[in-house]
N, C-alpha and C. Protein backbone atom coordinates (compact mmCIF):
# COMPACT_ATOMS: atom_id res chain seq x y z
N MET A 1 30.55 27.38 -2.02
CA MET A 1 31.66 26.59 -1.63
C MET A 1 31.25 25.12 -1.91
N THR A 2 32.11 24.41 -2.72
CA THR A 2 31.81 22.98 -3.05
C THR A 2 32.80 22.12 -2.19
N SER A 3 32.28 20.92 -1.83
CA SER A 3 32.98 19.94 -1.17
C SER A 3 33.98 19.30 -2.01
N SER A 4 35.23 18.99 -1.52
CA SER A 4 36.11 18.29 -2.34
C SER A 4 35.94 16.78 -2.29
N PHE A 5 35.10 16.40 -1.40
CA PHE A 5 34.87 14.98 -1.05
C PHE A 5 34.03 14.39 -2.26
N PRO A 6 34.54 13.28 -2.83
CA PRO A 6 33.88 12.73 -4.12
C PRO A 6 32.63 11.91 -3.75
N HIS A 7 31.55 12.55 -3.45
CA HIS A 7 30.33 11.91 -3.06
C HIS A 7 29.83 10.90 -4.22
N GLU A 8 29.89 11.37 -5.46
CA GLU A 8 29.41 10.53 -6.55
C GLU A 8 30.23 9.29 -6.75
N LEU A 9 31.64 9.43 -6.61
CA LEU A 9 32.52 8.32 -6.62
C LEU A 9 32.14 7.36 -5.50
N LYS A 10 31.87 7.75 -4.29
CA LYS A 10 31.55 6.94 -3.25
C LYS A 10 30.34 6.17 -3.50
N LYS A 11 29.33 6.89 -4.01
CA LYS A 11 28.02 6.09 -4.31
C LYS A 11 28.24 5.09 -5.33
N PHE A 12 29.07 5.40 -6.34
CA PHE A 12 29.31 4.54 -7.50
C PHE A 12 29.98 3.24 -7.02
N VAL A 13 31.08 3.48 -6.24
CA VAL A 13 31.87 2.36 -5.72
C VAL A 13 31.08 1.51 -4.73
N LEU A 14 30.27 2.11 -3.89
CA LEU A 14 29.43 1.24 -2.96
C LEU A 14 28.36 0.47 -3.69
N LYS A 15 27.83 1.11 -4.74
CA LYS A 15 26.75 0.42 -5.54
C LYS A 15 27.44 -0.75 -6.21
N GLU A 16 28.69 -0.65 -6.89
CA GLU A 16 29.24 -1.66 -7.59
C GLU A 16 29.81 -2.83 -6.58
N PHE A 17 30.18 -2.36 -5.47
CA PHE A 17 30.56 -3.34 -4.53
C PHE A 17 29.44 -4.13 -3.84
N GLN A 18 28.21 -3.51 -3.83
CA GLN A 18 27.05 -4.13 -3.38
C GLN A 18 26.69 -5.34 -4.37
N LYS A 19 26.91 -5.00 -5.67
CA LYS A 19 26.56 -5.97 -6.62
C LYS A 19 27.48 -7.24 -6.32
N HIS A 20 28.73 -7.09 -5.98
CA HIS A 20 29.52 -8.29 -5.66
C HIS A 20 29.01 -8.96 -4.38
N LEU A 21 28.66 -8.18 -3.41
CA LEU A 21 28.11 -8.66 -2.12
C LEU A 21 26.95 -9.55 -2.46
N ASP A 22 26.07 -9.05 -3.29
CA ASP A 22 24.82 -9.84 -3.72
C ASP A 22 25.22 -11.18 -4.34
N LYS A 23 26.44 -11.44 -4.93
CA LYS A 23 26.79 -12.65 -5.38
C LYS A 23 27.35 -13.61 -4.36
N GLU A 24 27.70 -13.08 -3.24
CA GLU A 24 28.33 -13.80 -2.20
C GLU A 24 27.17 -14.70 -1.46
N PRO A 25 27.44 -15.95 -1.15
CA PRO A 25 26.40 -16.80 -0.37
C PRO A 25 26.19 -16.10 0.99
N PRO A 26 24.97 -16.33 1.44
CA PRO A 26 24.73 -15.86 2.78
C PRO A 26 25.61 -16.34 3.94
N ILE A 27 25.97 -15.54 4.86
CA ILE A 27 26.76 -15.93 5.96
C ILE A 27 25.90 -15.94 7.21
N ASP A 28 25.85 -17.13 7.79
CA ASP A 28 24.89 -17.30 9.01
C ASP A 28 23.41 -16.98 8.70
N GLY A 29 23.07 -17.35 7.36
CA GLY A 29 21.67 -17.08 6.94
C GLY A 29 21.46 -15.70 6.58
N GLU A 30 22.45 -14.83 6.45
CA GLU A 30 22.26 -13.38 6.21
C GLU A 30 23.05 -12.97 5.07
N LYS A 31 22.42 -12.30 4.08
CA LYS A 31 23.10 -11.69 2.97
C LYS A 31 23.83 -10.41 3.42
N LEU A 32 25.01 -10.19 2.92
CA LEU A 32 25.74 -9.16 3.24
C LEU A 32 25.34 -7.82 2.43
N THR A 33 25.21 -6.78 3.22
CA THR A 33 24.86 -5.53 2.57
C THR A 33 26.01 -4.53 3.00
N ILE A 34 25.94 -3.35 2.37
CA ILE A 34 26.95 -2.33 2.66
C ILE A 34 26.81 -2.01 4.11
N LYS A 35 25.53 -1.91 4.49
CA LYS A 35 25.32 -1.42 5.87
C LYS A 35 25.83 -2.45 6.95
N ASN A 36 25.55 -3.79 6.80
CA ASN A 36 26.23 -4.73 7.78
C ASN A 36 27.64 -5.02 7.51
N TYR A 37 28.11 -4.74 6.36
CA TYR A 37 29.58 -4.82 6.03
C TYR A 37 30.32 -3.80 6.96
N PHE A 38 29.87 -2.53 6.87
CA PHE A 38 30.47 -1.42 7.79
C PHE A 38 30.15 -1.73 9.17
N TYR A 39 28.96 -2.18 9.58
CA TYR A 39 28.63 -2.37 10.92
C TYR A 39 29.59 -3.45 11.56
N PHE A 40 30.13 -4.45 10.86
CA PHE A 40 30.96 -5.49 11.33
C PHE A 40 32.18 -4.79 11.79
N PHE A 41 32.61 -3.70 11.36
CA PHE A 41 33.86 -3.09 11.72
C PHE A 41 33.51 -1.73 12.51
N HIS A 42 32.33 -1.59 13.13
CA HIS A 42 31.85 -0.33 13.69
C HIS A 42 32.74 0.21 14.70
N ILE A 43 33.57 -0.49 15.40
CA ILE A 43 34.49 0.05 16.47
C ILE A 43 35.86 0.41 15.87
N THR A 44 36.00 0.20 14.54
CA THR A 44 37.20 0.52 13.89
C THR A 44 37.21 1.80 13.01
N GLU A 45 38.14 2.17 12.47
CA GLU A 45 38.21 3.33 11.56
C GLU A 45 38.03 3.04 10.13
N ILE A 46 37.31 1.98 9.79
CA ILE A 46 37.22 1.39 8.45
C ILE A 46 36.53 2.50 7.52
N LYS A 47 35.51 3.18 7.99
CA LYS A 47 34.88 4.08 7.14
C LYS A 47 35.69 5.32 6.93
N GLU A 48 36.53 5.80 7.88
CA GLU A 48 37.45 6.87 7.72
C GLU A 48 38.51 6.54 6.72
N GLN A 49 39.09 5.39 6.77
CA GLN A 49 40.12 4.93 5.90
C GLN A 49 39.52 4.81 4.49
N PHE A 50 38.22 4.28 4.31
CA PHE A 50 37.47 4.17 3.01
C PHE A 50 37.35 5.56 2.50
N ASP A 51 37.05 6.62 3.18
CA ASP A 51 36.82 7.97 2.71
C ASP A 51 38.08 8.53 2.36
N LYS A 52 39.24 8.28 3.01
CA LYS A 52 40.47 8.74 2.70
C LYS A 52 40.89 8.18 1.25
N LEU A 53 40.71 6.90 1.08
CA LEU A 53 41.09 6.33 -0.19
C LEU A 53 40.25 6.88 -1.36
N LEU A 54 38.98 7.35 -0.92
CA LEU A 54 38.14 7.88 -1.93
C LEU A 54 38.71 9.33 -2.39
N ILE A 55 39.15 10.01 -1.42
CA ILE A 55 39.71 11.30 -1.65
C ILE A 55 41.02 11.26 -2.53
N GLU A 56 41.74 10.16 -2.31
CA GLU A 56 42.99 9.93 -3.07
C GLU A 56 42.71 9.50 -4.43
N GLY A 57 41.52 8.87 -4.67
CA GLY A 57 40.97 8.42 -5.91
C GLY A 57 41.66 7.23 -6.62
N ASP A 58 42.36 6.49 -5.75
CA ASP A 58 43.05 5.21 -6.39
C ASP A 58 42.08 4.15 -6.21
N ILE A 59 41.48 3.77 -7.40
CA ILE A 59 40.38 2.76 -7.50
C ILE A 59 40.91 1.41 -7.17
N LYS A 60 42.17 1.08 -7.58
CA LYS A 60 42.70 -0.22 -7.20
C LYS A 60 42.90 -0.36 -5.66
N ALA A 61 43.36 0.66 -5.04
CA ALA A 61 43.42 0.63 -3.60
C ALA A 61 42.12 0.51 -2.87
N ILE A 62 41.13 1.22 -3.41
CA ILE A 62 39.79 1.19 -2.90
C ILE A 62 39.25 -0.23 -2.94
N ASN A 63 39.37 -0.91 -4.16
CA ASN A 63 38.87 -2.26 -4.40
C ASN A 63 39.68 -3.23 -3.44
N ASP A 64 40.93 -3.12 -3.48
CA ASP A 64 41.75 -3.93 -2.50
C ASP A 64 41.31 -3.86 -1.03
N TYR A 65 41.07 -2.58 -0.62
CA TYR A 65 40.71 -2.40 0.83
C TYR A 65 39.23 -3.01 1.13
N LEU A 66 38.31 -2.85 0.19
CA LEU A 66 36.92 -3.31 0.30
C LEU A 66 36.93 -4.84 0.36
N PHE A 67 37.79 -5.41 -0.55
CA PHE A 67 37.85 -6.90 -0.68
C PHE A 67 38.58 -7.51 0.63
N LEU A 68 39.66 -6.86 0.98
CA LEU A 68 40.40 -7.32 2.11
C LEU A 68 39.35 -7.33 3.37
N ASN A 69 38.69 -6.40 3.57
CA ASN A 69 37.73 -6.37 4.65
C ASN A 69 36.58 -7.30 4.56
N LEU A 70 36.22 -7.58 3.32
CA LEU A 70 35.21 -8.65 3.08
C LEU A 70 35.76 -9.93 3.47
N TYR A 71 37.02 -10.25 3.15
CA TYR A 71 37.62 -11.53 3.44
C TYR A 71 37.75 -11.74 4.99
N ILE A 72 38.09 -10.63 5.60
CA ILE A 72 38.09 -10.71 7.14
C ILE A 72 36.79 -10.98 7.68
N ILE A 73 35.70 -10.36 7.22
CA ILE A 73 34.23 -10.62 7.59
C ILE A 73 34.01 -12.12 7.48
N LYS A 74 34.20 -12.59 6.15
CA LYS A 74 33.94 -14.07 5.94
C LYS A 74 34.84 -14.96 6.72
N PHE A 75 35.97 -14.64 7.08
CA PHE A 75 36.86 -15.42 7.90
C PHE A 75 36.30 -15.62 9.27
N PHE A 76 35.94 -14.49 9.89
CA PHE A 76 35.54 -14.59 11.16
C PHE A 76 34.07 -15.10 11.35
N ARG A 77 33.25 -15.04 10.31
CA ARG A 77 31.90 -15.52 10.43
C ARG A 77 31.76 -16.98 9.71
N THR A 78 32.75 -17.54 9.11
CA THR A 78 32.54 -18.87 8.52
C THR A 78 33.76 -19.76 8.80
N VAL A 79 34.96 -19.34 9.08
CA VAL A 79 36.08 -20.26 9.35
C VAL A 79 36.20 -20.60 10.72
N ARG A 80 36.42 -21.83 11.05
CA ARG A 80 36.55 -22.15 12.50
C ARG A 80 37.98 -21.68 12.84
N HIS A 81 38.04 -20.82 13.89
CA HIS A 81 39.24 -20.39 14.37
C HIS A 81 39.23 -20.39 15.86
N ASP A 82 40.42 -20.59 16.51
CA ASP A 82 40.61 -20.65 17.79
C ASP A 82 40.53 -19.35 18.54
N GLU A 83 39.43 -19.00 19.27
CA GLU A 83 39.21 -17.79 19.98
C GLU A 83 40.31 -17.53 21.09
N TYR A 84 40.94 -18.60 21.50
CA TYR A 84 41.80 -18.44 22.75
C TYR A 84 43.31 -18.48 22.19
N ASP A 85 43.56 -18.87 21.05
CA ASP A 85 44.90 -18.90 20.54
C ASP A 85 45.01 -17.80 19.39
N THR A 86 45.25 -16.53 19.77
CA THR A 86 45.36 -15.46 18.90
C THR A 86 46.42 -15.60 17.83
N ARG A 87 47.48 -16.13 18.13
CA ARG A 87 48.52 -16.28 17.20
C ARG A 87 48.13 -17.25 16.14
N LYS A 88 47.48 -18.36 16.49
CA LYS A 88 47.04 -19.37 15.54
C LYS A 88 45.95 -18.72 14.62
N SER A 89 45.01 -17.98 15.23
CA SER A 89 43.97 -17.35 14.48
C SER A 89 44.51 -16.27 13.40
N VAL A 90 45.47 -15.62 13.91
CA VAL A 90 46.15 -14.68 13.00
C VAL A 90 46.82 -15.37 11.79
N GLU A 91 47.48 -16.41 12.01
CA GLU A 91 48.08 -17.17 10.93
C GLU A 91 47.04 -17.78 10.04
N LEU A 92 45.90 -18.27 10.54
CA LEU A 92 44.75 -18.82 9.78
C LEU A 92 44.22 -17.60 8.88
N LEU A 93 44.05 -16.45 9.58
CA LEU A 93 43.50 -15.39 8.69
C LEU A 93 44.41 -15.06 7.61
N LYS A 94 45.63 -14.84 7.78
CA LYS A 94 46.66 -14.55 6.83
C LYS A 94 46.53 -15.57 5.69
N GLU A 95 46.48 -16.79 6.01
CA GLU A 95 46.38 -17.85 4.90
C GLU A 95 45.06 -17.64 4.12
N TYR A 96 43.91 -17.55 4.86
CA TYR A 96 42.66 -17.32 4.34
C TYR A 96 42.62 -16.16 3.31
N VAL A 97 43.11 -15.02 3.80
CA VAL A 97 43.17 -13.81 2.94
C VAL A 97 43.96 -14.01 1.79
N LYS A 98 45.11 -14.65 1.78
CA LYS A 98 46.05 -15.00 0.64
C LYS A 98 45.25 -15.86 -0.27
N GLU A 99 44.53 -16.82 0.13
CA GLU A 99 43.85 -17.74 -0.69
C GLU A 99 42.73 -17.01 -1.47
N GLN A 100 42.02 -16.20 -0.75
CA GLN A 100 40.84 -15.54 -1.31
C GLN A 100 41.44 -14.43 -2.46
N GLN A 101 42.50 -13.78 -2.15
CA GLN A 101 43.03 -12.83 -3.00
C GLN A 101 43.54 -13.44 -4.27
N MET A 102 44.15 -14.76 -4.12
CA MET A 102 44.55 -15.57 -5.31
C MET A 102 43.33 -15.89 -6.11
N LYS A 103 42.21 -16.40 -5.55
CA LYS A 103 41.14 -16.78 -6.21
C LYS A 103 40.47 -15.55 -6.99
N ARG A 104 40.52 -14.33 -6.35
CA ARG A 104 39.91 -13.14 -7.01
C ARG A 104 40.80 -12.73 -8.22
N GLU A 105 42.08 -12.84 -8.02
CA GLU A 105 43.04 -12.45 -9.05
C GLU A 105 42.79 -13.43 -10.34
N MET A 106 42.70 -14.73 -10.00
CA MET A 106 42.50 -15.69 -11.12
C MET A 106 41.23 -15.51 -11.76
N THR A 107 40.14 -15.10 -11.03
CA THR A 107 38.85 -14.80 -11.68
C THR A 107 38.77 -13.71 -12.49
N TYR A 108 39.40 -12.56 -11.97
CA TYR A 108 39.27 -11.28 -12.72
C TYR A 108 40.41 -11.02 -13.65
N ASN A 109 41.56 -11.68 -13.51
CA ASN A 109 42.63 -11.33 -14.53
C ASN A 109 42.72 -12.36 -15.72
N ASN A 110 41.88 -13.38 -15.64
CA ASN A 110 41.78 -14.36 -16.80
C ASN A 110 40.74 -13.91 -17.75
């Protein structure tokens, strides 16, 4: 009996994403790794959603998902946000993600 889970695809995607993480500047003096990337979201279902996307095999959706979560990590660890004004922080997060997505599109689509 063989598993339908794409283990090789997962290994490849994470290896390639780690190459991108290696290019990122340290956050709080620490380089991002796949391990601490997923640990940041350890109380959420990020791994399960990632595995679901792998099974569906949509590479664009996988990349978009990984980078969206990277932007969220960077926002909460580098951008000054108001911990007491959730609404304001959500708006700042939306703006930050939009800016980062535009930068990424300009970098990789040109």
